[in-house]
Amino acid sequence: MQTSLIKIILAGLMNVAAALLLSPLCEGVMRKLRATIHSRIGPPITQPYWDLFKLLGKEDLRTTGGRVYASVPAITLASVLLLALLVPMGAAAPLAFAGDLIVVIYVAAISSVLMMLTGFASSSPYASIGSSREMMMLLSVEPIMAIALSVGAFKARTLTLGGIAGWQAQNGPSISMVIGGIAFFLALQAVAGKLPFDIAEADQEIMGGLLVEQSGPRLALFRWTIWAKQFVLAFLLVEVFFPWPRSGFYVVDLVAALGKVLVVLVLVAVIDVVNPRLRIDQAMGYFMRVAVSSLAALAFAVIGK
């Protein structure tokens, strides 16, 4: 019993450390790639770490008071770290026993909801508009991710992520899982707030969106949350839909998964560079089509494809 508890704690620390320490590095790689495509030198890949250190050392200026408002950034980051404990990263999720697919979907939405509430509470019209747009994006993207993951649950006949990933690793690719994985990836582009779906941030329109009134340590924690969330969801994508190869050795599987995560985030960065921002109505129409494709994947799963 004590040995199992120690293993859970160590695995949890590994997942949390990966989400906290490697997500800024992935963001740095994405920035460097963006600069390269633009024929610029760009910042070093370690720049996100320096950005965080600089913001954490600045004065904490707030547009409103209250302990709840002050604690939201830390709670938001904690919700993403909880998500990391529920997602397999090279091995079974540390808290796999504590939540299934439904819990993962709910936990994944917590950070977005908290950031929206922060924007509304900041009393800034720009932040309120950004929060309203973020709400529209959340309502459009979350069902796509839920349906895509449900395809795996239907195929594996289980709601546990470990069971879905194990079934996929054992049975190989299928039409329904490939389509579901593509739909999940397209939703990930919006969750990461990258072009053409950075509608809630839209610097040229609403001056930074829902985080426009955030500064110093608060802004650092919110940015860290965004980077960590895209990192964890990229892990969820590769572990559930593309889990191969599997060696059975934790370190080897973790390194292989990290390589696949980096490929996913590089693709996200490339799409971000080569596409202009969509209008809200265009984005809603686009996600409607992606939702139809995810339903098609579910239909293929029903008929055994």
Protein backbone atom coordinates (compact mmCIF):
# COMPACT_ATOMS: atom_id res chain seq x y z
CA MET A 1 0.00 0.00 0.00
CA GLN A 2 2.77 2.42 0.96
CA THR A 3 4.78 1.48 -2.16
CA SER A 4 1.79 2.19 -4.40
CA LEU A 5 1.28 5.57 -2.74
CA ILE A 6 4.93 6.48 -3.28
CA LYS A 7 4.67 5.51 -6.96
CA ILE A 8 1.56 7.67 -7.38
CA ILE A 9 3.28 10.64 -5.72
CA LEU A 10 6.42 10.27 -7.85
CA ALA A 11 4.41 9.90 -11.05
CA GLY A 12 2.34 12.95 -10.09
CA LEU A 13 5.46 15.00 -9.45
CA MET A 14 6.83 13.98 -12.86
CA ASN A 15 3.65 15.05 -14.66
CA VAL A 16 3.43 18.35 -12.79
CA ALA A 17 7.11 19.08 -13.34
CA ALA A 18 6.78 18.33 -17.06
CA ALA A 19 3.78 20.65 -17.39
CA LEU A 20 5.44 23.47 -15.43
CA LEU A 21 9.01 23.24 -16.70
CA LEU A 22 8.68 22.02 -20.29
CA SER A 23 5.65 24.04 -21.43
CA PRO A 24 7.61 27.36 -21.54
CA LEU A 25 10.34 25.59 -23.53
CA CYS A 26 7.77 24.37 -26.07
CA GLU A 27 6.41 27.90 -26.30
CA GLY A 28 9.96 29.12 -26.94
CA VAL A 29 10.39 26.60 -29.76
CA MET A 30 7.09 27.77 -31.28
CA ARG A 31 8.21 31.41 -31.11
CA LYS A 32 11.56 30.54 -32.71
CA LEU A 33 9.83 28.68 -35.52
CA ARG A 34 7.48 31.62 -36.09
CA ALA A 35 10.44 33.97 -36.35
CA THR A 36 12.26 31.63 -38.75
CA ILE A 37 9.26 31.48 -41.08
CA HIS A 38 9.10 35.28 -40.96
CA SER A 39 12.83 35.43 -41.86
CA ARG A 40 13.73 36.90 -38.46
CA ILE A 41 16.29 35.81 -35.89
CA GLY A 42 13.71 35.91 -33.13
CA PRO A 43 14.16 35.43 -29.37
CA PRO A 44 16.03 32.45 -27.89
CA ILE A 45 13.92 29.43 -27.05
CA THR A 46 14.47 30.18 -23.36
CA GLN A 47 12.78 33.58 -23.64
CA PRO A 48 9.47 32.43 -22.07
CA TYR A 49 11.34 31.54 -18.87
CA TRP A 50 12.84 35.03 -18.71
CA ASP A 51 9.41 36.54 -19.40
CA LEU A 52 7.98 34.64 -16.44
CA PHE A 53 10.83 35.62 -14.14
CA LYS A 54 10.48 39.27 -15.14
CA LEU A 55 6.70 39.33 -14.59
CA LEU A 56 6.93 37.48 -11.27
CA GLY A 57 9.30 40.18 -10.01
CA LYS A 58 7.05 43.10 -10.95
CA GLU A 59 4.51 44.90 -8.78
CA ASP A 60 1.08 43.30 -8.50
CA LEU A 61 -1.31 45.97 -9.79
CA ARG A 62 -5.03 45.20 -9.72
CA THR A 63 -8.11 46.96 -11.01
CA THR A 64 -10.26 45.49 -8.25
CA GLY A 65 -9.73 44.04 -4.79
CA GLY A 66 -10.86 41.02 -2.86
CA ARG A 67 -9.21 37.77 -1.84
CA VAL A 68 -11.11 35.73 -4.42
CA TYR A 69 -9.95 37.93 -7.29
CA ALA A 70 -6.39 37.83 -5.95
CA SER A 71 -6.32 34.02 -5.73
CA VAL A 72 -7.82 33.24 -9.16
CA PRO A 73 -4.49 33.10 -11.13
CA ALA A 74 -3.03 30.51 -8.76
CA ILE A 75 -6.25 28.47 -8.78
CA THR A 76 -6.33 28.62 -12.58
CA LEU A 77 -2.79 27.25 -12.86
CA ALA A 78 -3.61 24.62 -10.24
CA SER A 79 -6.57 23.42 -12.31
CA VAL A 80 -4.25 22.77 -15.27
CA LEU A 81 -1.82 20.91 -13.02
CA LEU A 82 -4.74 18.80 -11.81
CA LEU A 83 -5.50 18.06 -15.46
CA ALA A 84 -1.87 16.96 -15.87
CA LEU A 85 -2.40 14.44 -13.06
CA LEU A 86 -5.39 12.97 -14.93
CA VAL A 87 -3.66 12.68 -18.33
CA PRO A 88 -1.25 9.83 -19.14
CA MET A 89 2.27 11.07 -19.96
CA GLY A 90 4.37 8.12 -21.02
CA ALA A 91 2.61 5.95 -18.43
CA ALA A 92 -0.77 5.66 -16.72
CA ALA A 93 -2.11 8.91 -15.27
CA PRO A 94 -1.18 9.26 -11.57
CA LEU A 95 -4.78 10.02 -10.60
CA ALA A 96 -6.39 7.69 -13.13
CA PHE A 97 -8.34 6.09 -10.28
CA ALA A 98 -9.85 9.47 -9.32
CA GLY A 99 -11.49 10.46 -12.59
CA ASP A 100 -12.50 9.20 -15.99
CA LEU A 101 -13.08 10.90 -19.34
CA ILE A 102 -16.00 12.97 -18.05
CA VAL A 103 -13.90 14.36 -15.18
CA VAL A 104 -11.07 15.21 -17.59
CA ILE A 105 -13.41 17.18 -19.84
CA TYR A 106 -14.77 19.16 -16.89
CA VAL A 107 -11.32 19.86 -15.42
CA ALA A 108 -10.02 20.98 -18.83
CA ALA A 109 -12.74 23.64 -18.95
CA ILE A 110 -12.09 25.05 -15.45
CA SER A 111 -9.12 27.23 -16.44
CA SER A 112 -10.99 28.85 -19.32
CA VAL A 113 -14.01 29.57 -17.10
CA LEU A 114 -11.83 31.13 -14.39
CA MET A 115 -10.03 33.33 -16.91
CA MET A 116 -13.37 34.47 -18.32
CA LEU A 117 -14.64 35.35 -14.85
CA THR A 118 -11.42 37.29 -14.20
CA GLY A 119 -11.97 39.30 -17.39
CA PHE A 120 -15.54 40.13 -16.42
CA ALA A 121 -14.45 41.06 -12.87
CA SER A 122 -11.70 43.42 -14.03
CA SER A 123 -14.27 46.12 -14.99
CA SER A 124 -12.55 46.69 -18.35
CA PRO A 125 -14.74 46.83 -21.47
CA TYR A 126 -11.93 45.26 -23.50
CA ALA A 127 -11.55 42.40 -21.01
CA SER A 128 -15.33 41.88 -20.97
CA ILE A 129 -15.42 41.62 -24.75
CA GLY A 130 -12.49 39.21 -24.68
CA SER A 131 -14.24 37.09 -22.05
CA SER A 132 -17.43 37.04 -24.11
CA ARG A 133 -15.46 35.85 -27.13
CA GLU A 134 -13.66 33.25 -25.02
CA MET A 135 -17.05 31.97 -23.86
CA MET A 136 -18.20 31.56 -27.47
CA MET A 137 -14.99 29.72 -28.33
CA LEU A 138 -15.32 27.45 -25.30
CA LEU A 139 -18.89 26.54 -26.16
CA SER A 140 -17.78 25.72 -29.71
CA VAL A 141 -14.58 23.82 -28.96
CA GLU A 142 -15.38 21.79 -25.83
CA PRO A 143 -18.12 19.69 -27.55
CA ILE A 144 -15.67 18.83 -30.36
CA MET A 145 -13.06 17.62 -27.88
CA ALA A 146 -15.68 15.71 -25.91
CA ILE A 147 -17.04 13.95 -29.01
CA ALA A 148 -13.54 13.14 -30.28
CA LEU A 149 -12.60 11.55 -26.96
CA SER A 150 -15.95 9.75 -26.87
CA VAL A 151 -14.97 7.99 -30.09
CA GLY A 152 -12.11 6.33 -28.23
CA ALA A 153 -14.37 5.54 -25.28
CA PHE A 154 -16.89 3.86 -27.58
CA LYS A 155 -14.20 1.81 -29.32
CA ALA A 156 -12.52 0.70 -26.08
CA ARG A 157 -15.80 0.28 -24.18
CA THR A 158 -14.41 2.25 -21.23
CA LEU A 159 -14.37 5.83 -20.00
CA THR A 160 -10.87 5.64 -18.52
CA LEU A 161 -8.12 7.36 -20.51
CA GLY A 162 -5.69 4.57 -19.70
CA GLY A 163 -8.11 1.99 -21.07
CA ILE A 164 -8.69 4.00 -24.24
CA ALA A 165 -4.97 4.55 -24.82
CA GLY A 166 -4.22 0.88 -24.13
CA TRP A 167 -6.89 -0.29 -26.53
CA GLN A 168 -5.64 2.07 -29.24
CA ALA A 169 -2.03 0.95 -28.74
CA GLN A 170 -3.03 -2.70 -28.98
CA ASN A 171 -5.46 -2.52 -31.91
CA GLY A 172 -3.74 0.04 -34.13
CA PRO A 173 -5.24 2.94 -36.12
CA SER A 174 -8.80 3.01 -37.35
CA ILE A 175 -10.80 5.38 -39.53
CA SER A 176 -12.88 6.69 -36.63
CA MET A 177 -9.88 7.33 -34.36
CA VAL A 178 -7.90 9.08 -37.09
CA ILE A 179 -10.81 11.41 -37.86
CA GLY A 180 -11.39 11.97 -34.14
CA GLY A 181 -7.70 12.77 -33.64
CA ILE A 182 -7.74 15.31 -36.46
CA ALA A 183 -10.86 16.96 -34.99
CA PHE A 184 -9.18 17.09 -31.55
CA PHE A 185 -6.08 18.68 -33.10
CA LEU A 186 -8.15 21.36 -34.83
CA ALA A 187 -9.85 22.12 -31.52
CA LEU A 188 -6.42 22.30 -29.84
CA GLN A 189 -5.48 25.17 -32.15
CA ALA A 190 -8.32 27.23 -30.66
CA VAL A 191 -7.68 26.15 -27.06
CA ALA A 192 -4.07 27.31 -27.44
CA GLY A 193 -5.34 30.72 -28.59
CA LYS A 194 -3.30 30.61 -31.79
CA LEU A 195 -4.18 32.07 -35.17
CA PRO A 196 -6.59 31.87 -36.82
CA PHE A 197 -8.49 31.50 -33.53
CA ASP A 198 -6.91 34.12 -31.23
CA ILE A 199 -10.23 35.94 -31.35
CA ALA A 200 -10.46 36.38 -27.58
CA GLU A 201 -7.04 38.05 -27.44
CA ALA A 202 -7.02 39.96 -30.76
CA ASP A 203 -4.42 42.64 -29.95
CA GLN A 204 -5.36 44.86 -32.89
CA GLU A 205 -9.05 44.84 -31.91
CA ILE A 206 -9.41 44.64 -28.13
CA MET A 207 -5.88 45.34 -26.85
CA GLY A 208 -5.05 41.92 -25.48
CA GLY A 209 -8.54 40.70 -24.65
CA LEU A 210 -9.52 39.18 -21.35
CA LEU A 211 -6.02 39.60 -19.83
CA VAL A 212 -5.61 43.26 -20.74
CA GLU A 213 -5.87 44.39 -17.09
CA GLN A 214 -3.53 41.73 -15.73
CA SER A 215 0.09 42.54 -14.90
CA GLY A 216 3.07 41.32 -12.93
CA PRO A 217 2.75 37.97 -11.14
CA ARG A 218 -0.92 37.61 -12.10
CA LEU A 219 -0.11 37.88 -15.81
CA ALA A 220 2.80 35.46 -15.36
CA LEU A 221 0.55 32.81 -13.82
CA PHE A 222 -2.11 33.24 -16.51
CA ARG A 223 0.46 32.93 -19.30
CA TRP A 224 1.99 29.91 -17.60
CA THR A 225 -1.50 28.41 -17.42
CA ILE A 226 -2.07 28.87 -21.17
CA TRP A 227 1.29 27.31 -22.05
CA ALA A 228 0.84 24.40 -19.65
CA LYS A 229 -2.68 23.70 -20.87
CA GLN A 230 -1.68 23.48 -24.53
CA PHE A 231 1.18 21.19 -23.48
CA VAL A 232 -1.08 18.86 -21.46
CA LEU A 233 -3.77 18.74 -24.14
CA ALA A 234 -1.12 17.93 -26.76
CA PHE A 235 -0.09 15.03 -24.51
CA LEU A 236 -3.74 13.96 -24.30
CA LEU A 237 -3.94 13.99 -28.10
CA VAL A 238 -0.86 11.86 -28.73
CA GLU A 239 -1.47 9.43 -25.86
CA VAL A 240 -5.10 8.70 -26.74
CA PHE A 241 -5.14 8.91 -30.55
CA PHE A 242 -1.51 8.22 -31.56
CA PRO A 243 0.09 6.18 -28.73
CA TRP A 244 2.58 4.26 -30.85
CA PRO A 245 5.27 3.12 -30.39
CA ARG A 246 5.12 1.62 -26.92
CA SER A 247 8.20 -0.03 -25.41
CA GLY A 248 6.92 -0.68 -21.90
CA PHE A 249 9.78 1.33 -20.38
CA TYR A 250 8.66 4.58 -18.77
CA VAL A 251 11.63 6.74 -19.76
CA VAL A 252 11.59 5.57 -23.39
CA ASP A 253 7.82 6.03 -23.71
CA LEU A 254 8.02 9.46 -22.07
CA VAL A 255 10.74 10.66 -24.46
CA ALA A 256 8.79 9.31 -27.45
CA ALA A 257 5.63 11.04 -26.25
CA LEU A 258 7.52 14.30 -25.72
CA GLY A 259 8.80 14.08 -29.30
CA LYS A 260 5.26 13.63 -30.60
CA VAL A 261 4.01 16.52 -28.44
CA LEU A 262 6.71 18.75 -29.89
CA VAL A 263 5.64 17.76 -33.43
CA VAL A 264 2.02 18.62 -32.58
CA LEU A 265 2.96 22.03 -31.16
CA VAL A 266 5.21 22.75 -34.16
CA LEU A 267 2.22 22.10 -36.43
CA VAL A 268 0.16 24.45 -34.24
CA ALA A 269 2.88 27.12 -34.65
CA VAL A 270 3.02 26.67 -38.43
CA ILE A 271 -0.76 27.07 -38.73
CA ASP A 272 -0.49 30.14 -36.50
CA VAL A 273 2.05 31.74 -38.84
CA VAL A 274 0.44 31.09 -42.21
CA ASN A 275 -3.18 31.98 -41.39
CA PRO A 276 -4.92 35.30 -40.74
CA ARG A 277 -7.36 35.75 -37.89
CA LEU A 278 -10.91 34.63 -38.62
CA ARG A 279 -13.96 36.70 -37.81
CA ILE A 280 -16.20 35.31 -35.09
CA ASP A 281 -18.87 34.20 -37.55
CA GLN A 282 -16.23 32.50 -39.71
CA ALA A 283 -14.81 30.69 -36.68
CA MET A 284 -18.26 29.51 -35.58
CA GLY A 285 -18.97 28.17 -39.07
CA TYR A 286 -15.60 26.44 -39.14
CA PHE A 287 -16.15 24.73 -35.80
CA MET A 288 -19.58 23.64 -36.90
CA ARG A 289 -17.95 21.76 -39.77
CA VAL A 290 -15.33 20.29 -37.44
CA ALA A 291 -18.12 19.19 -35.08
CA VAL A 292 -19.82 17.40 -37.99
CA SER A 293 -16.55 15.60 -38.77
CA SER A 294 -16.20 14.51 -35.14
CA LEU A 295 -19.79 13.19 -35.26
CA ALA A 296 -18.83 11.34 -38.44
CA ALA A 297 -15.95 9.76 -36.52
CA LEU A 298 -18.41 8.67 -33.84
CA ALA A 299 -20.67 7.20 -36.53
CA PHE A 300 -17.72 5.22 -37.95
CA ALA A 301 -16.99 3.95 -34.44
CA VAL A 302 -20.57 2.77 -34.07
CA ILE A 303 -20.32 0.67 -37.23
CA GLY A 304 -16.96 -0.72 -36.17
CA LYS A 305 -14.62 1.23 -38.46
